[in-house]
């Protein structure tokens, strides 16, 4: 796990992670995102679609739909 200094690093880190998964023999089929501006951008969405991945977005202003990630964020916040 890596912490990011700025949100503009998200796109490259997501691409690196999915490429790593493919190298390890696991082909991601979908990605669920929370409509954050760091994820909803032309560059990342085009890359996902080019790889044949589906992109699922949660409803706007509904962190409860992203419960696992929100819980992990809280845990990491507490540890930091």
N, C-alpha and C. Protein backbone atom coordinates (compact mmCIF):
# COMPACT_ATOMS: atom_id res chain seq x y z
N UNK A 1 0.85 -1.17 0.00
CA UNK A 1 0.00 0.00 0.00
C UNK A 1 0.90 1.23 0.00
N UNK A 2 0.51 2.20 -0.80
CA UNK A 2 1.26 3.45 -0.88
C UNK A 2 0.33 4.63 -0.63
N UNK A 3 0.83 5.61 0.07
CA UNK A 3 0.10 6.85 0.22
C UNK A 3 0.49 7.77 -0.92
N UNK A 4 -0.46 8.54 -1.41
CA UNK A 4 -0.19 9.48 -2.49
C UNK A 4 -0.03 10.88 -1.92
N UNK A 5 0.93 11.64 -2.46
CA UNK A 5 1.13 13.00 -1.99
C UNK A 5 0.06 13.93 -2.55
N UNK A 6 -0.35 13.70 -3.81
CA UNK A 6 -1.37 14.53 -4.44
C UNK A 6 -2.34 13.63 -5.20
N UNK A 7 -3.53 14.15 -5.45
CA UNK A 7 -4.55 13.36 -6.14
C UNK A 7 -4.26 13.17 -7.62
N UNK A 8 -3.38 13.98 -8.19
CA UNK A 8 -3.08 13.81 -9.61
C UNK A 8 -2.23 12.56 -9.87
N UNK A 9 -1.76 11.90 -8.82
CA UNK A 9 -1.01 10.65 -8.97
C UNK A 9 -1.93 9.44 -9.11
N UNK A 10 -3.21 9.63 -8.88
CA UNK A 10 -4.16 8.51 -8.85
C UNK A 10 -4.20 7.77 -10.18
N UNK A 11 -4.30 8.49 -11.28
CA UNK A 11 -4.46 7.84 -12.59
C UNK A 11 -3.30 6.88 -12.86
N UNK A 12 -2.08 7.33 -12.67
CA UNK A 12 -0.93 6.48 -12.96
C UNK A 12 -0.86 5.30 -11.99
N UNK A 13 -1.19 5.51 -10.73
CA UNK A 13 -1.16 4.41 -9.76
C UNK A 13 -2.21 3.35 -10.08
N UNK A 14 -3.40 3.79 -10.50
CA UNK A 14 -4.46 2.84 -10.88
C UNK A 14 -4.00 2.03 -12.10
N UNK A 15 -3.45 2.71 -13.08
CA UNK A 15 -2.96 2.01 -14.28
C UNK A 15 -1.86 1.01 -13.91
N UNK A 16 -0.94 1.43 -13.06
CA UNK A 16 0.14 0.53 -12.64
C UNK A 16 -0.41 -0.70 -11.91
N UNK A 17 -1.40 -0.48 -11.05
CA UNK A 17 -1.97 -1.59 -10.29
C UNK A 17 -2.67 -2.59 -11.20
N UNK A 18 -3.49 -2.09 -12.13
CA UNK A 18 -4.19 -3.00 -13.03
C UNK A 18 -3.22 -3.71 -13.97
N UNK A 19 -2.16 -3.04 -14.38
CA UNK A 19 -1.13 -3.69 -15.20
C UNK A 19 -0.44 -4.79 -14.39
N UNK A 20 -0.17 -4.52 -13.13
CA UNK A 20 0.43 -5.52 -12.25
C UNK A 20 -0.48 -6.75 -12.14
N UNK A 21 -1.78 -6.51 -11.97
CA UNK A 21 -2.71 -7.63 -11.88
C UNK A 21 -2.69 -8.47 -13.15
N UNK A 22 -2.64 -7.81 -14.31
CA UNK A 22 -2.62 -8.55 -15.58
C UNK A 22 -1.35 -9.38 -15.70
N UNK A 23 -0.22 -8.83 -15.28
CA UNK A 23 1.04 -9.57 -15.33
C UNK A 23 0.97 -10.80 -14.42
N UNK A 24 0.27 -10.68 -13.31
CA UNK A 24 0.13 -11.79 -12.37
C UNK A 24 -0.94 -12.79 -12.81
N UNK A 25 -1.55 -12.57 -13.97
CA UNK A 25 -2.52 -13.51 -14.50
C UNK A 25 -3.96 -13.24 -14.10
N UNK A 26 -4.22 -12.12 -13.49
CA UNK A 26 -5.58 -11.76 -13.10
C UNK A 26 -6.03 -10.60 -13.99
N UNK A 27 -7.11 -10.81 -14.70
CA UNK A 27 -7.60 -9.77 -15.61
C UNK A 27 -8.82 -9.09 -15.00
N UNK A 28 -8.67 -7.84 -14.54
CA UNK A 28 -9.80 -7.13 -13.96
C UNK A 28 -10.89 -6.90 -15.01
N UNK A 29 -12.13 -7.07 -14.61
CA UNK A 29 -13.25 -6.90 -15.54
C UNK A 29 -14.00 -5.61 -15.30
N UNK A 30 -13.92 -5.07 -14.08
CA UNK A 30 -14.68 -3.87 -13.75
C UNK A 30 -13.98 -3.09 -12.65
N UNK A 31 -14.32 -1.82 -12.59
CA UNK A 31 -13.82 -0.96 -11.54
C UNK A 31 -14.99 -0.13 -11.03
N UNK A 32 -15.18 -0.10 -9.71
CA UNK A 32 -16.25 0.69 -9.11
C UNK A 32 -15.62 1.94 -8.50
N UNK A 33 -16.07 3.11 -8.92
CA UNK A 33 -15.49 4.35 -8.44
C UNK A 33 -16.58 5.25 -7.85
N UNK A 34 -16.15 6.22 -7.07
CA UNK A 34 -17.09 7.04 -6.32
C UNK A 34 -17.30 8.44 -6.91
N UNK A 35 -17.08 8.61 -8.18
CA UNK A 35 -17.28 9.88 -8.88
C UNK A 35 -16.35 11.00 -8.41
N UNK A 36 -15.26 10.64 -7.74
CA UNK A 36 -14.26 11.64 -7.36
C UNK A 36 -13.57 12.15 -8.62
N UNK A 37 -13.22 13.42 -8.62
CA UNK A 37 -12.62 14.02 -9.81
C UNK A 37 -11.30 13.36 -10.20
N UNK A 38 -10.63 12.76 -9.22
CA UNK A 38 -9.38 12.08 -9.54
C UNK A 38 -9.62 10.81 -10.35
N UNK A 39 -10.82 10.23 -10.25
CA UNK A 39 -11.14 9.02 -11.00
C UNK A 39 -11.94 9.30 -12.27
N UNK A 40 -12.85 10.24 -12.21
CA UNK A 40 -13.70 10.53 -13.36
C UNK A 40 -12.98 11.54 -14.23
N UNK A 41 -12.08 11.04 -15.04
CA UNK A 41 -11.40 11.90 -16.00
C UNK A 41 -11.21 11.13 -17.30
N UNK A 42 -11.09 11.86 -18.36
CA UNK A 42 -11.06 11.27 -19.71
C UNK A 42 -9.92 10.26 -19.86
N UNK A 43 -8.78 10.59 -19.34
CA UNK A 43 -7.59 9.74 -19.48
C UNK A 43 -7.82 8.36 -18.88
N UNK A 44 -8.27 8.29 -17.64
CA UNK A 44 -8.46 7.00 -16.97
C UNK A 44 -9.63 6.22 -17.56
N UNK A 45 -10.73 6.90 -17.83
CA UNK A 45 -11.90 6.20 -18.37
C UNK A 45 -11.60 5.61 -19.75
N UNK A 46 -10.93 6.35 -20.61
CA UNK A 46 -10.57 5.82 -21.94
C UNK A 46 -9.64 4.62 -21.80
N UNK A 47 -8.71 4.68 -20.88
CA UNK A 47 -7.78 3.57 -20.67
C UNK A 47 -8.53 2.32 -20.23
N UNK A 48 -9.46 2.50 -19.29
CA UNK A 48 -10.26 1.35 -18.81
C UNK A 48 -11.08 0.74 -19.94
N UNK A 49 -11.74 1.59 -20.72
CA UNK A 49 -12.56 1.08 -21.82
C UNK A 49 -11.71 0.40 -22.87
N UNK A 50 -10.51 0.91 -23.12
CA UNK A 50 -9.60 0.28 -24.10
C UNK A 50 -9.17 -1.10 -23.62
N UNK A 51 -9.08 -1.29 -22.31
CA UNK A 51 -8.72 -2.59 -21.75
C UNK A 51 -9.92 -3.53 -21.65
N UNK A 52 -11.11 -3.03 -22.01
CA UNK A 52 -12.31 -3.85 -21.96
C UNK A 52 -12.94 -3.93 -20.58
N UNK A 53 -12.59 -3.01 -19.72
CA UNK A 53 -13.13 -3.01 -18.36
C UNK A 53 -14.39 -2.16 -18.28
N UNK A 54 -15.32 -2.61 -17.47
CA UNK A 54 -16.52 -1.82 -17.19
C UNK A 54 -16.19 -0.84 -16.06
N UNK A 55 -16.80 0.32 -16.10
CA UNK A 55 -16.62 1.31 -15.04
C UNK A 55 -17.98 1.57 -14.42
N UNK A 56 -18.10 1.23 -13.14
CA UNK A 56 -19.35 1.44 -12.41
C UNK A 56 -19.14 2.62 -11.46
N UNK A 57 -20.09 3.55 -11.47
CA UNK A 57 -19.99 4.71 -10.60
C UNK A 57 -21.11 4.69 -9.57
N UNK A 58 -20.77 5.06 -8.34
CA UNK A 58 -21.78 5.15 -7.30
C UNK A 58 -22.64 6.38 -7.54
N UNK A 59 -23.77 6.43 -6.87
CA UNK A 59 -24.64 7.59 -6.98
C UNK A 59 -23.95 8.80 -6.36
N UNK A 60 -24.20 10.00 -6.89
CA UNK A 60 -23.56 11.19 -6.35
C UNK A 60 -23.90 11.41 -4.87
N UNK A 61 -22.92 11.86 -4.12
CA UNK A 61 -23.08 12.21 -2.70
C UNK A 61 -23.62 11.05 -1.86
N UNK A 62 -23.11 9.85 -2.10
CA UNK A 62 -23.57 8.68 -1.35
C UNK A 62 -22.39 7.82 -0.92
N UNK A 63 -21.63 8.26 0.10
CA UNK A 63 -20.48 7.46 0.54
C UNK A 63 -20.87 6.10 1.10
N UNK A 64 -22.13 5.91 1.46
CA UNK A 64 -22.55 4.62 1.98
C UNK A 64 -22.46 3.52 0.94
N UNK A 65 -22.58 3.88 -0.34
CA UNK A 65 -22.46 2.87 -1.40
C UNK A 65 -21.03 2.39 -1.55
N UNK A 66 -20.10 3.11 -0.99
CA UNK A 66 -18.69 2.77 -1.08
C UNK A 66 -18.16 2.41 0.30
N UNK A 67 -18.94 1.63 1.04
CA UNK A 67 -18.69 1.35 2.44
C UNK A 67 -17.33 0.76 2.76
N UNK A 68 -16.86 -0.21 1.98
CA UNK A 68 -15.58 -0.86 2.27
C UNK A 68 -14.45 0.15 2.17
N UNK A 69 -14.45 0.95 1.12
CA UNK A 69 -13.40 1.96 0.95
C UNK A 69 -13.47 3.02 2.04
N UNK A 70 -14.68 3.45 2.39
CA UNK A 70 -14.83 4.46 3.43
C UNK A 70 -14.34 3.93 4.77
N UNK A 71 -14.60 2.66 5.06
CA UNK A 71 -14.13 2.07 6.31
C UNK A 71 -12.60 1.98 6.31
N UNK A 72 -12.01 1.61 5.17
CA UNK A 72 -10.55 1.54 5.07
C UNK A 72 -9.94 2.92 5.23
N UNK A 73 -10.57 3.95 4.64
CA UNK A 73 -10.08 5.31 4.80
C UNK A 73 -10.08 5.71 6.26
N UNK A 74 -11.11 5.36 6.96
CA UNK A 74 -11.21 5.69 8.39
C UNK A 74 -10.13 4.98 9.17
N UNK A 75 -9.90 3.70 8.86
CA UNK A 75 -8.86 2.93 9.55
C UNK A 75 -7.49 3.54 9.31
N UNK A 76 -7.20 3.89 8.06
CA UNK A 76 -5.90 4.49 7.74
C UNK A 76 -5.74 5.86 8.41
N UNK A 77 -6.81 6.63 8.45
CA UNK A 77 -6.78 7.93 9.12
C UNK A 77 -6.44 7.76 10.59
N UNK A 78 -7.06 6.78 11.24
CA UNK A 78 -6.81 6.53 12.65
C UNK A 78 -5.38 6.09 12.90
N UNK A 79 -4.83 5.28 11.99
CA UNK A 79 -3.45 4.80 12.14
C UNK A 79 -2.43 5.91 11.92
N UNK A 80 -2.76 6.83 11.00
CA UNK A 80 -1.83 7.93 10.71
C UNK A 80 -1.88 8.93 11.82
